[in-house]
Each structure stands twice: as C-alpha cells, then as structure tokens.
PDB file of N, CA and C in Angstrom:
ATOM      1  N   MET A   1      76.076 111.558 128.881  1.00  0.00           N
ATOM      2  CA  MET A   1      75.578 111.615 127.683  1.00  0.00           C
ATOM      3  C   MET A   1      76.365 110.854 126.419  1.00  0.00           C
ATOM      4  N   VAL A   2      77.505 111.157 126.420  1.00  0.00           N
ATOM      5  CA  VAL A   2      78.252 110.593 125.136  1.00  0.00           C
ATOM      6  C   VAL A   2      78.389 109.049 125.489  1.00  0.00           C
ATOM      7  N   ILE A   3      78.481 108.713 126.661  1.00  0.00           N
ATOM      8  CA  ILE A   3      78.515 107.183 126.868  1.00  0.00           C
ATOM      9  C   ILE A   3      77.329 106.538 126.361  1.00  0.00           C
ATOM     10  N   GLY A   4      76.152 107.293 126.367  1.00  0.00           N
ATOM     11  CA  GLY A   4      74.913 106.772 126.229  1.00  0.00           C
ATOM     12  C   GLY A   4      74.779 106.576 124.660  1.00  0.00           C
ATOM     13  N   LEU A   5      75.480 107.622 123.905  1.00  0.00           N
ATOM     14  CA  LEU A   5      75.449 107.619 122.428  1.00  0.00           C
ATOM     15  C   LEU A   5      76.305 106.531 121.842  1.00  0.00           C
ATOM     16  N   LEU A   6      77.330 106.122 122.631  1.00  0.00           N
ATOM     17  CA  LEU A   6      78.358 105.225 122.277  1.00  0.00           C
ATOM     18  C   LEU A   6      77.548 103.863 122.340  1.00  0.00           C
ATOM     19  N   ARG A   7      76.848 103.786 123.272  1.00  0.00           N
ATOM     20  CA  ARG A   7      76.232 102.418 123.544  1.00  0.00           C
ATOM     21  C   ARG A   7      75.014 102.273 122.769  1.00  0.00           C
ATOM     22  N   LYS A   8      74.310 103.265 122.725  1.00  0.00           N
ATOM     23  CA  LYS A   8      73.179 103.033 121.767  1.00  0.00           C
ATOM     24  C   LYS A   8      73.362 103.128 120.409  1.00  0.00           C
ATOM     25  N   LYS A   9      74.165 103.723 119.957  1.00  0.00           N
ATOM     26  CA  LYS A   9      74.328 103.954 118.309  1.00  0.00           C
ATOM     27  C   LYS A   9      75.318 103.047 117.643  1.00  0.00           C
ATOM     28  N   GLU A  10      76.582 102.749 118.403  1.00  0.00           N
ATOM     29  CA  GLU A  10      77.521 102.294 117.754  1.00  0.00           C
ATOM     30  C   GLU A  10      78.040 100.896 118.641  1.00  0.00           C
ATOM     31  N   ILE A  11      78.280 100.736 119.697  1.00  0.00           N
ATOM     32  CA  ILE A  11      78.841  99.736 120.511  1.00  0.00           C
ATOM     33  C   ILE A  11      77.989  98.590 120.456  1.00  0.00           C
ATOM     34  N   TRP A  12      76.735  98.711 120.636  1.00  0.00           N
ATOM     35  CA  TRP A  12      75.695  97.636 120.814  1.00  0.00           C
ATOM     36  C   TRP A  12      75.664  96.848 119.481  1.00  0.00           C
ATOM     37  N   ARG A  13      76.303  97.223 118.430  1.00  0.00           N
ATOM     38  CA  ARG A  13      76.166  96.483 117.146  1.00  0.00           C
ATOM     39  C   ARG A  13      77.324  95.367 117.267  1.00  0.00           C
ATOM     40  N   MET A  14      78.247  95.457 118.151  1.00  0.00           N
ATOM     41  CA  MET A  14      79.262  94.349 118.395  1.00  0.00           C
ATOM     42  C   MET A  14      78.704  93.394 119.492  1.00  0.00           C
ATOM     43  N   ASP A  15      79.554  92.204 119.269  1.00  0.00           N
ATOM     44  CA  ASP A  15      79.029  91.143 120.383  1.00  0.00           C
ATOM     45  C   ASP A  15      79.939  91.313 121.501  1.00  0.00           C
ATOM     46  N   LEU A  16      79.417  91.684 122.555  1.00  0.00           N
ATOM     47  CA  LEU A  16      80.378  92.133 123.645  1.00  0.00           C
ATOM     48  C   LEU A  16      79.790  91.974 124.927  1.00  0.00           C
ATOM     49  N   ARG A  17      80.405  92.427 126.071  1.00  0.00           N
ATOM     50  CA  ARG A  17      80.086  92.458 127.480  1.00  0.00           C
ATOM     51  C   ARG A  17      80.500  93.871 128.056  1.00  0.00           C
ATOM     52  N   ILE A  18      79.857  94.348 128.827  1.00  0.00           N
ATOM     53  CA  ILE A  18      80.420  95.585 129.379  1.00  0.00           C
ATOM     54  C   ILE A  18      80.450  95.466 130.926  1.00  0.00           C
ATOM     55  N   GLU A  19      81.695  95.882 131.431  1.00  0.00           N
ATOM     56  CA  GLU A  19      81.904  95.744 132.782  1.00  0.00           C
ATOM     57  C   GLU A  19      82.341  97.234 133.414  1.00  0.00           C
ATOM     58  N   TYR A  20      81.371  97.606 134.364  1.00  0.00           N
ATOM     59  CA  TYR A  20      81.565  98.856 134.968  1.00  0.00           C
ATOM     60  C   TYR A  20      82.470  98.786 136.253  1.00  0.00           C
ATOM     61  N   LEU A  21      83.552  99.349 136.018  1.00  0.00           N
ATOM     62  CA  LEU A  21      84.638  99.292 137.172  1.00  0.00           C
ATOM     63  C   LEU A  21      84.571 100.625 137.776  1.00  0.00           C
ATOM     64  N   LYS A  22      85.488 100.744 138.990  1.00  0.00           N
ATOM     65  CA  LYS A  22      85.514 101.966 139.847  1.00  0.00           C
ATOM     66  C   LYS A  22      86.067 103.094 138.963  1.00  0.00           C
ATOM     67  N   LEU A  23      86.916 103.022 138.173  1.00  0.00           N
ATOM     68  CA  LEU A  23      87.585 104.132 137.361  1.00  0.00           C
ATOM     69  C   LEU A  23      87.372 104.257 135.906  1.00  0.00           C
ATOM     70  N   TYR A  24      86.887 103.033 135.391  1.00  0.00           N
ATOM     71  CA  TYR A  24      86.672 102.883 133.871  1.00  0.00           C
ATOM     72  C   TYR A  24      85.513 101.870 133.372  1.00  0.00           C
ATOM     73  N   ILE A  25      85.102 101.823 132.385  1.00  0.00           N
ATOM     74  CA  ILE A  25      84.374 100.992 131.756  1.00  0.00           C
ATOM     75  C   ILE A  25      84.971 100.089 130.893  1.00  0.00           C
ATOM     76  N   ALA A  26      84.919  98.873 130.881  1.00  0.00           N
ATOM     77  CA  ALA A  26      85.650  97.788 130.238  1.00  0.00           C
ATOM     78  C   ALA A  26      84.694  97.233 129.076  1.00  0.00           C
ATOM     79  N   PHE A  27      85.012  97.288 127.811  1.00  0.00           N
ATOM     80  CA  PHE A  27      84.044  96.665 126.838  1.00  0.00           C
ATOM     81  C   PHE A  27      84.995  95.371 126.429  1.00  0.00           C
ATOM     82  N   LYS A  28      84.251  94.269 126.467  1.00  0.00           N
ATOM     83  CA  LYS A  28      85.167  93.036 126.428  1.00  0.00           C
ATOM     84  C   LYS A  28      84.440  92.109 125.165  1.00  0.00           C
ATOM     85  N   ALA A  29      85.074  91.293 124.684  1.00  0.00           N
ATOM     86  CA  ALA A  29      84.742  90.174 123.641  1.00  0.00           C
ATOM     87  C   ALA A  29      85.249  89.221 124.691  1.00  0.00           C
ATOM     88  N   GLU A  30      86.423  88.602 124.537  1.00  0.00           N
ATOM     89  CA  GLU A  30      87.009  87.633 125.377  1.00  0.00           C
ATOM     90  C   GLU A  30      87.824  88.369 126.446  1.00  0.00           C
ATOM     91  N   THR A  31      88.473  89.336 126.014  1.00  0.00           N
ATOM     92  CA  THR A  31      89.174  90.347 126.963  1.00  0.00           C
ATOM     93  C   THR A  31      88.862  91.761 126.507  1.00  0.00           C
ATOM     94  N   ASN A  32      89.352  92.704 127.407  1.00  0.00           N
ATOM     95  CA  ASN A  32      89.167  94.177 126.929  1.00  0.00           C
ATOM     96  C   ASN A  32      89.635  94.356 125.819  1.00  0.00           C
ATOM     97  N   PHE A  33      88.756  95.090 124.708  1.00  0.00           N
ATOM     98  CA  PHE A  33      89.233  95.685 123.693  1.00  0.00           C
ATOM     99  C   PHE A  33      89.098  97.061 123.548  1.00  0.00           C
ATOM    100  N   LEU A  34      88.373  97.697 124.744  1.00  0.00           N
ATOM    101  CA  LEU A  34      88.146  99.099 124.773  1.00  0.00           C
ATOM    102  C   LEU A  34      88.039  99.403 126.168  1.00  0.00           C
ATOM    103  N   ASP A  35      88.693 100.399 126.887  1.00  0.00           N
ATOM    104  CA  ASP A  35      88.208 100.875 128.294  1.00  0.00           C
ATOM    105  C   ASP A  35      88.050 102.399 128.048  1.00  0.00           C
ATOM    106  N   VAL A  36      86.956 102.746 128.605  1.00  0.00           N
ATOM    107  CA  VAL A  36      86.447 104.311 128.563  1.00  0.00           C
ATOM    108  C   VAL A  36      86.763 104.532 130.002  1.00  0.00           C
ATOM    109  N   VAL A  37      87.501 105.616 130.079  1.00  0.00           N
ATOM    110  CA  VAL A  37      87.668 106.451 131.393  1.00  0.00           C
ATOM    111  C   VAL A  37      87.005 107.772 131.113  1.00  0.00           C
ATOM    112  N   PRO A  38      85.987 108.060 132.017  1.00  0.00           N
ATOM    113  CA  PRO A  38      85.376 109.146 131.612  1.00  0.00           C
ATOM    114  C   PRO A  38      86.116 110.327 132.624  1.00  0.00           C
ATOM    115  N   GLN A  39      86.133 111.591 131.952  1.00  0.00           N
ATOM    116  CA  GLN A  39      86.870 112.590 132.472  1.00  0.00           C
ATOM    117  C   GLN A  39      85.793 113.814 132.468  1.00  0.00           C
ATOM    118  N   SER A  40      86.149 115.082 133.071  1.00  0.00           N
ATOM    119  CA  SER A  40      85.252 116.022 133.018  1.00  0.00           C
ATOM    120  C   SER A  40      84.933 116.573 131.679  1.00  0.00           C
ATOM    121  N   LYS A  41      85.781 116.592 130.812  1.00  0.00           N
ATOM    122  CA  LYS A  41      85.226 117.316 129.396  1.00  0.00           C
ATOM    123  C   LYS A  41      85.343 116.333 128.274  1.00  0.00           C
ATOM    124  N   GLN A  42      85.769 115.019 128.635  1.00  0.00           N
ATOM    125  CA  GLN A  42      86.071 114.193 127.430  1.00  0.00           C
ATOM    126  C   GLN A  42      86.036 112.712 127.895  1.00  0.00           C
ATOM    127  N   LEU A  43      86.206 111.900 126.972  1.00  0.00           N
ATOM    128  CA  LEU A  43      86.412 110.375 127.186  1.00  0.00           C
ATOM    129  C   LEU A  43      87.703 110.077 126.878  1.00  0.00           C
ATOM    130  N   ARG A  44      88.539 109.242 127.800  1.00  0.00           N
ATOM    131  CA  ARG A  44      89.668 108.895 127.140  1.00  0.00           C
ATOM    132  C   ARG A  44      89.565 107.592 126.989  1.00  0.00           C
ATOM    133  N   LEU A  45      89.955 106.910 125.738  1.00  0.00           N
ATOM    134  CA  LEU A  45      89.726 105.647 125.332  1.00  0.00           C
ATOM    135  C   LEU A  45      90.888 104.868 125.226  1.00  0.00           C
ATOM    136  N   SER A  46      91.043 103.825 125.651  1.00  0.00           N
ATOM    137  CA  SER A  46      92.314 102.919 125.608  1.00  0.00           C
ATOM    138  C   SER A  46      91.877 101.757 124.757  1.00  0.00           C
ATOM    139  N   LEU A  47      92.598 101.618 123.486  1.00  0.00           N
ATOM    140  CA  LEU A  47      92.350 100.651 122.793  1.00  0.00           C
ATOM    141  C   LEU A  47      93.458  99.356 122.929  1.00  0.00           C
ATOM    142  N   ASN A  48      92.999  98.196 123.223  1.00  0.00           N
ATOM    143  CA  ASN A  48      94.002  97.058 123.646  1.00  0.00           C
ATOM    144  C   ASN A  48      94.440  96.747 122.347  1.00  0.00           C
ATOM    145  N   MET A  49      95.465  97.100 121.788  1.00  0.00           N
ATOM    146  CA  MET A  49      96.206  96.815 120.714  1.00  0.00           C
ATOM    147  C   MET A  49      97.547  97.707 120.644  1.00  0.00           C
ATOM    148  N   SER A  50      98.633  97.199 120.015  1.00  0.00           N
ATOM    149  CA  SER A  50      99.731  97.780 119.652  1.00  0.00           C
ATOM    150  C   SER A  50      99.487  99.003 118.793  1.00  0.00           C
ATOM    151  N   PHE A  51     100.276 100.219 119.088  1.00  0.00           N
ATOM    152  CA  PHE A  51     100.238 101.349 118.455  1.00  0.00           C
ATOM    153  C   PHE A  51     100.434 101.222 117.179  1.00  0.00           C
ATOM    154  N   LYS A  52     101.412 100.278 116.970  1.00  0.00           N
ATOM    155  CA  LYS A  52     101.955 100.124 115.457  1.00  0.00           C
ATOM    156  C   LYS A  52     100.759  99.328 114.462  1.00  0.00           C
ATOM    157  N   GLU A  53      99.881  98.832 115.206  1.00  0.00           N
ATOM    158  CA  GLU A  53      98.817  98.237 114.258  1.00  0.00           C
ATOM    159  C   GLU A  53      97.645  98.882 113.864  1.00  0.00           C
ATOM    160  N   ILE A  54      97.517 100.085 114.621  1.00  0.00           N
ATOM    161  CA  ILE A  54      96.481 100.988 114.416  1.00  0.00           C
ATOM    162  C   ILE A  54      96.379 101.923 113.032  1.00  0.00           C
ATOM    163  N   ILE A  55      95.311 101.885 112.331  1.00  0.00           N
ATOM    164  CA  ILE A  55      95.347 102.783 111.153  1.00  0.00           C
ATOM    165  C   ILE A  55      94.543 103.915 111.306  1.00  0.00           C
ATOM    166  N   ASP A  56      95.277 105.062 111.475  1.00  0.00           N
ATOM    167  CA  ASP A  56      94.849 106.355 112.133  1.00  0.00           C
ATOM    168  C   ASP A  56      95.155 107.486 111.184  1.00  0.00           C
ATOM    169  N   PRO A  57      94.637 107.578 110.051  1.00  0.00           N
ATOM    170  CA  PRO A  57      95.026 108.561 109.032  1.00  0.00           C
ATOM    171  C   PRO A  57      94.813 110.207 109.518  1.00  0.00           C
ATOM    172  N   LYS A  58      94.011 110.284 110.683  1.00  0.00           N
ATOM    173  CA  LYS A  58      93.852 111.653 111.171  1.00  0.00           C
ATOM    174  C   LYS A  58      94.733 111.965 112.236  1.00  0.00           C
ATOM    175  N   GLY A  59      95.428 110.947 112.758  1.00  0.00           N
ATOM    176  CA  GLY A  59      96.512 111.079 113.837  1.00  0.00           C
ATOM    177  C   GLY A  59      95.961 111.462 115.100  1.00  0.00           C
ATOM    178  N   LEU A  60      94.773 110.903 115.406  1.00  0.00           N
ATOM    179  CA  LEU A  60      94.287 111.199 116.784  1.00  0.00           C
ATOM    180  C   LEU A  60      94.715 110.408 117.899  1.00  0.00           C
ATOM    181  N   CYS A  61      95.175 109.054 117.593  1.00  0.00           N
ATOM    182  CA  CYS A  61      95.727 108.130 118.487  1.00  0.00           C
ATOM    183  C   CYS A  61      97.052 108.625 119.039  1.00  0.00           C
ATOM    184  N   LYS A  62      97.453 108.182 120.316  1.00  0.00           N
ATOM    185  CA  LYS A  62      98.605 108.310 120.883  1.00  0.00           C
ATOM    186  C   LYS A  62      99.146 107.096 121.395  1.00  0.00           C
ATOM    187  N   ASP A  63     100.585 106.936 121.210  1.00  0.00           N
ATOM    188  CA  ASP A  63     101.186 105.699 121.810  1.00  0.00           C
ATOM    189  C   ASP A  63     101.520 105.770 123.233  1.00  0.00           C
ATOM    190  N   VAL A  64     100.852 104.947 123.934  1.00  0.00           N
ATOM    191  CA  VAL A  64     101.016 105.257 125.602  1.00  0.00           C
ATOM    192  C   VAL A  64     101.429 103.882 126.057  1.00  0.00           C
ATOM    193  N   SER A  65     102.192 103.057 125.195  1.00  0.00           N
ATOM    194  CA  SER A  65     102.943 101.925 125.635  1.00  0.00           C
ATOM    195  C   SER A  65     104.090 102.527 126.756  1.00  0.00           C
ATOM    196  N   GLY A  66     104.043 101.791 128.040  1.00  0.00           N
ATOM    197  CA  GLY A  66     104.948 101.929 128.901  1.00  0.00           C
ATOM    198  C   GLY A  66     104.426 103.099 129.750  1.00  0.00           C
ATOM    199  N   VAL A  67     103.433 103.481 129.548  1.00  0.00           N
ATOM    200  CA  VAL A  67     102.829 104.659 130.406  1.00  0.00           C
ATOM    201  C   VAL A  67     101.763 104.166 131.445  1.00  0.00           C
ATOM    202  N   GLY A  68     102.046 104.608 132.694  1.00  0.00           N
ATOM    203  CA  GLY A  68     100.991 104.222 133.704  1.00  0.00           C
ATOM    204  C   GLY A  68      99.618 105.003 133.541  1.00  0.00           C
ATOM    205  N   ARG A  69      98.665 104.249 133.537  1.00  0.00           N
ATOM    206  CA  ARG A  69      97.244 105.006 133.332  1.00  0.00           C
ATOM    207  C   ARG A  69      96.214 103.794 133.713  1.00  0.00           C
ATOM    208  N   TRP A  70      94.993 104.441 133.884  1.00  0.00           N
ATOM    209  CA  TRP A  70      93.922 103.409 133.887  1.00  0.00           C
ATOM    210  C   TRP A  70      93.434 103.035 132.456  1.00  0.00           C
ATOM    211  N   GLY A  71      93.328 101.624 132.280  1.00  0.00           N
ATOM    212  CA  GLY A  71      92.970 101.163 130.997  1.00  0.00           C
ATOM    213  C   GLY A  71      94.100 100.018 130.509  1.00  0.00           C
ATOM    214  N   ASN A  72      93.745  99.450 129.424  1.00  0.00           N
ATOM    215  CA  ASN A  72      94.514  98.470 128.978  1.00  0.00           C
ATOM    216  C   ASN A  72      94.992  99.051 127.456  1.00  0.00           C
ATOM    217  N   GLY A  73      96.095  98.463 126.934  1.00  0.00           N
ATOM    218  CA  GLY A  73      96.428  98.666 125.563  1.00  0.00           C
ATOM    219  C   GLY A  73      97.273  99.867 125.418  1.00  0.00           C
ATOM    220  N   ASP A  74      98.066  99.958 124.309  1.00  0.00           N
ATOM    221  CA  ASP A  74      98.928 100.861 123.901  1.00  0.00           C
ATOM    222  C   ASP A  74      98.579 102.001 123.053  1.00  0.00           C
ATOM    223  N   VAL A  75      97.300 102.084 122.996  1.00  0.00           N
ATOM    224  CA  VAL A  75      96.681 103.068 122.162  1.00  0.00           C
ATOM    225  C   VAL A  75      95.635 104.043 122.767  1.00  0.00           C
ATOM    226  N   GLU A  76      95.842 105.368 122.899  1.00  0.00           N
ATOM    227  CA  GLU A  76      94.883 106.229 123.607  1.00  0.00           C
ATOM    228  C   GLU A  76      94.416 107.052 122.497  1.00  0.00           C
ATOM    229  N   VAL A  77      93.052 107.400 122.584  1.00  0.00           N
ATOM    230  CA  VAL A  77      92.362 108.551 121.832  1.00  0.00           C
ATOM    231  C   VAL A  77      91.321 108.967 122.857  1.00  0.00           C
ATOM    232  N   ARG A  78      91.333 110.511 122.635  1.00  0.00           N
ATOM    233  CA  ARG A  78      90.350 111.295 123.363  1.00  0.00           C
ATOM    234  C   ARG A  78      89.311 111.623 122.596  1.00  0.00           C
ATOM    235  N   PHE A  79      88.015 111.539 123.126  1.00  0.00           N
ATOM    236  CA  PHE A  79      86.698 111.899 122.441  1.00  0.00           C
ATOM    237  C   PHE A  79      85.906 112.966 123.214  1.00  0.00           C
ATOM    238  N   SER A  80      85.763 114.049 122.626  1.00  0.00           N
ATOM    239  CA  SER A  80      84.916 114.998 123.194  1.00  0.00           C
ATOM    240  C   SER A  80      84.069 115.770 122.135  1.00  0.00           C
ATOM    241  N   ASN A  81      84.246 115.390 120.943  1.00  0.00           N
ATOM    242  CA  ASN A  81      83.398 116.029 119.880  1.00  0.00           C
ATOM    243  C   ASN A  81      82.355 114.971 119.232  1.00  0.00           C
ATOM    244  N   ILE A  82      81.301 115.131 119.238  1.00  0.00           N
ATOM    245  CA  ILE A  82      80.372 113.880 118.767  1.00  0.00           C
ATOM    246  C   ILE A  82      80.585 113.787 117.257  1.00  0.00           C
ATOM    247  N   GLU A  83      80.862 114.931 116.727  1.00  0.00           N
ATOM    248  CA  GLU A  83      81.163 114.746 115.140  1.00  0.00           C
ATOM    249  C   GLU A  83      82.297 113.705 114.729  1.00  0.00           C
ATOM    250  N   ASP A  84      83.153 113.367 115.939  1.00  0.00           N
ATOM    251  CA  ASP A  84      84.137 112.464 115.544  1.00  0.00           C
ATOM    252  C   ASP A  84      83.687 110.956 115.940  1.00  0.00           C
ATOM    253  N   LEU A  85      82.606 110.783 116.037  1.00  0.00           N
ATOM    254  CA  LEU A  85      81.897 109.425 116.680  1.00  0.00           C
ATOM    255  C   LEU A  85      82.213 108.345 115.552  1.00  0.00           C
ATOM    256  N   PRO A  86      81.871 108.768 114.278  1.00  0.00           N
ATOM    257  CA  PRO A  86      82.115 107.663 113.113  1.00  0.00           C
ATOM    258  C   PRO A  86      83.628 107.267 113.087  1.00  0.00           C
ATOM    259  N   TYR A  87      84.496 108.324 113.108  1.00  0.00           N
ATOM    260  CA  TYR A  87      85.707 108.033 112.948  1.00  0.00           C
ATOM    261  C   TYR A  87      86.513 107.178 114.392  1.00  0.00           C
ATOM    262  N   ILE A  88      86.071 107.571 115.418  1.00  0.00           N
ATOM    263  CA  ILE A  88      86.300 106.960 116.548  1.00  0.00           C
ATOM    264  C   ILE A  88      85.985 105.551 116.772  1.00  0.00           C
ATOM    265  N   MET A  89      84.807 105.369 116.141  1.00  0.00           N
ATOM    266  CA  MET A  89      84.197 103.790 116.109  1.00  0.00           C
ATOM    267  C   MET A  89      85.079 103.061 115.250  1.00  0.00           C
ATOM    268  N   SER A  90      85.449 103.678 114.108  1.00  0.00           N
ATOM    269  CA  SER A  90      86.187 102.849 113.126  1.00  0.00           C
ATOM    270  C   SER A  90      87.640 102.427 113.888  1.00  0.00           C
ATOM    271  N   LEU A  91      88.156 103.319 114.873  1.00  0.00           N
ATOM    272  CA  LEU A  91      89.342 102.965 115.633  1.00  0.00           C
ATOM    273  C   LEU A  91      89.065 101.728 116.598  1.00  0.00           C
ATOM    274  N   VAL A  92      87.699 101.859 117.126  1.00  0.00           N
ATOM    275  CA  VAL A  92      87.304 100.954 118.249  1.00  0.00           C
ATOM    276  C   VAL A  92      87.145  99.657 117.499  1.00  0.00           C
ATOM    277  N   ARG A  93      86.543  99.715 116.389  1.00  0.00           N
ATOM    278  CA  ARG A  93      86.195  98.523 115.436  1.00  0.00           C
ATOM    279  C   ARG A  93      87.500  97.820 115.151  1.00  0.00           C
ATOM    280  N   GLN A  94      88.688  98.513 114.887  1.00  0.00           N
ATOM    281  CA  GLN A  94      89.983  97.900 114.513  1.00  0.00           C
ATOM    282  C   GLN A  94      90.406  96.912 116.014  1.00  0.00           C
ATOM    283  N   SER A  95      90.215  97.410 117.009  1.00  0.00           N
ATOM    284  CA  SER A  95      90.712  96.974 118.381  1.00  0.00           C
ATOM    285  C   SER A  95      89.749  95.578 118.392  1.00  0.00           C
ATOM    286  N   PHE A  96      88.554  95.808 118.254  1.00  0.00           N
ATOM    287  CA  PHE A  96      87.493  94.598 118.325  1.00  0.00           C
ATOM    288  C   PHE A  96      87.896  93.498 117.427  1.00  0.00           C
ATOM    289  N   GLU A  97      88.108  93.944 116.128  1.00  0.00           N
ATOM    290  CA  GLU A  97      88.453  93.011 114.967  1.00  0.00           C
ATOM    291  C   GLU A  97      89.798  92.311 115.252  1.00  0.00           C
ATOM    292  N   ARG A  98      90.647  93.030 115.634  1.00  0.00           N
ATOM    293  CA  ARG A  98      91.871  92.347 115.930  1.00  0.00           C
ATOM    294  C   ARG A  98      91.832  91.452 116.994  1.00  0.00           C
ATOM    295  N   GLN A  99      91.082  91.676 118.002  1.00  0.00           N
ATOM    296  CA  GLN A  99      90.802  90.811 119.027  1.00  0.00           C
ATOM    297  C   GLN A  99      90.272  89.396 118.424  1.00  0.00           C
ATOM    298  N   MET A 100      89.222  89.631 117.718  1.00  0.00           N
ATOM    299  CA  MET A 100      88.346  88.424 117.301  1.00  0.00           C
ATOM    300  C   MET A 100      89.109  87.608 116.298  1.00  0.00           C
ATOM    301  N   ASN A 101      89.824  88.305 115.526  1.00  0.00           N
ATOM    302  CA  ASN A 101      90.722  87.755 114.325  1.00  0.00           C
ATOM    303  C   ASN A 101      91.937  86.986 115.029  1.00  0.00           C
ATOM    304  N   TYR A 102      92.467  87.508 116.231  1.00  0.00           N
ATOM    305  CA  TYR A 102      93.467  86.718 117.055  1.00  0.00           C
ATOM    306  C   TYR A 102      93.070  85.460 117.635  1.00  0.00           C
ATOM    307  N   GLU A 103      91.805  85.479 118.364  1.00  0.00           N
ATOM    308  CA  GLU A 103      91.086  84.397 118.890  1.00  0.00           C
ATOM    309  C   GLU A 103      90.822  83.451 117.847  1.00  0.00           C
ATOM    310  N   ILE A 104      90.435  83.712 116.764  1.00  0.00           N
ATOM    311  CA  ILE A 104      90.172  82.657 115.495  1.00  0.00           C
ATOM    312  C   ILE A 104      91.392  82.044 115.269  1.00  0.00           C
ATOM    313  N   GLU A 105      92.536  82.783 115.055  1.00  0.00           N
ATOM    314  CA  GLU A 105      93.954  82.232 114.710  1.00  0.00           C
ATOM    315  C   GLU A 105      94.532  81.245 115.860  1.00  0.00           C
ATOM    316  N   THR A 106      94.402  81.556 117.032  1.00  0.00           N
ATOM    317  CA  THR A 106      94.711  80.719 118.106  1.00  0.00           C
ATOM    318  C   THR A 106      94.033  79.617 118.494  1.00  0.00           C
ATOM    319  N   ASP A 107      92.802  79.638 117.944  1.00  0.00           N
ATOM    320  CA  ASP A 107      91.878  78.471 118.233  1.00  0.00           C
ATOM    321  C   ASP A 107      92.311  77.142 117.239  1.00  0.00           C
ATOM    322  N   LYS A 108      92.855  77.510 116.218  1.00  0.00           N
ATOM    323  CA  LYS A 108      93.119  76.479 115.224  1.00  0.00           C
ATOM    324  C   LYS A 108      94.042  75.484 115.599  1.00  0.00           C
TER     325      LYS A 108
END
C-alpha cells in the first residue's frame, strides 16, 4: 500500500526507471538514487548519496556508510508513517537532484 502511494503521488513526478529486484526496488535515473527495501512494518529507504550531503532537519536519516545491507548509498531512512511522506520525499528528491546535477557537471 505505501509503495503504491509513493509511486502514484510522488515518485512518478520524477524522470526515472524502476527495477524490481529480489530483495529491494531500485529507483534509477542513470544509476540508483533510491532503493526501497520492504519490511514487515516499514520501508527501509537507502539514498545513494553521502551522509554529509543530506539536509535532514528532523534527523530521520542514519549514516550507514560501511554497514553491509541491501541497497546503495550511505543514507538510510525508515518510513512507516504516511504523514511523513512529504518530508521523506524531500529527502528522496535531494538524492535524485544530486545525481542529476552530478551527471550534468560530469558531461561538460
């Protein structure tokens, strides 16, 4: 249900591809910018960016650099409350925009 809301309301506004893997769902522009790992009571989101780059005033993100887990990136956030969707999407958008800006800069 929550993945459906993410897809219909927010994620589809971005130019991306979705790849359904065995253990997680990868959201890609050129490469993964978001991996969603479904868990029994929540979604574990991995943002493919450095923890020091994320702007997270609510402190929901966790630094998982050097920690083995399913997903890409050094930022993890757990999503279980639909009321957090706008804030969570602001974090996801940071990862997406970081990837898109990086690609533009490297194409020069």
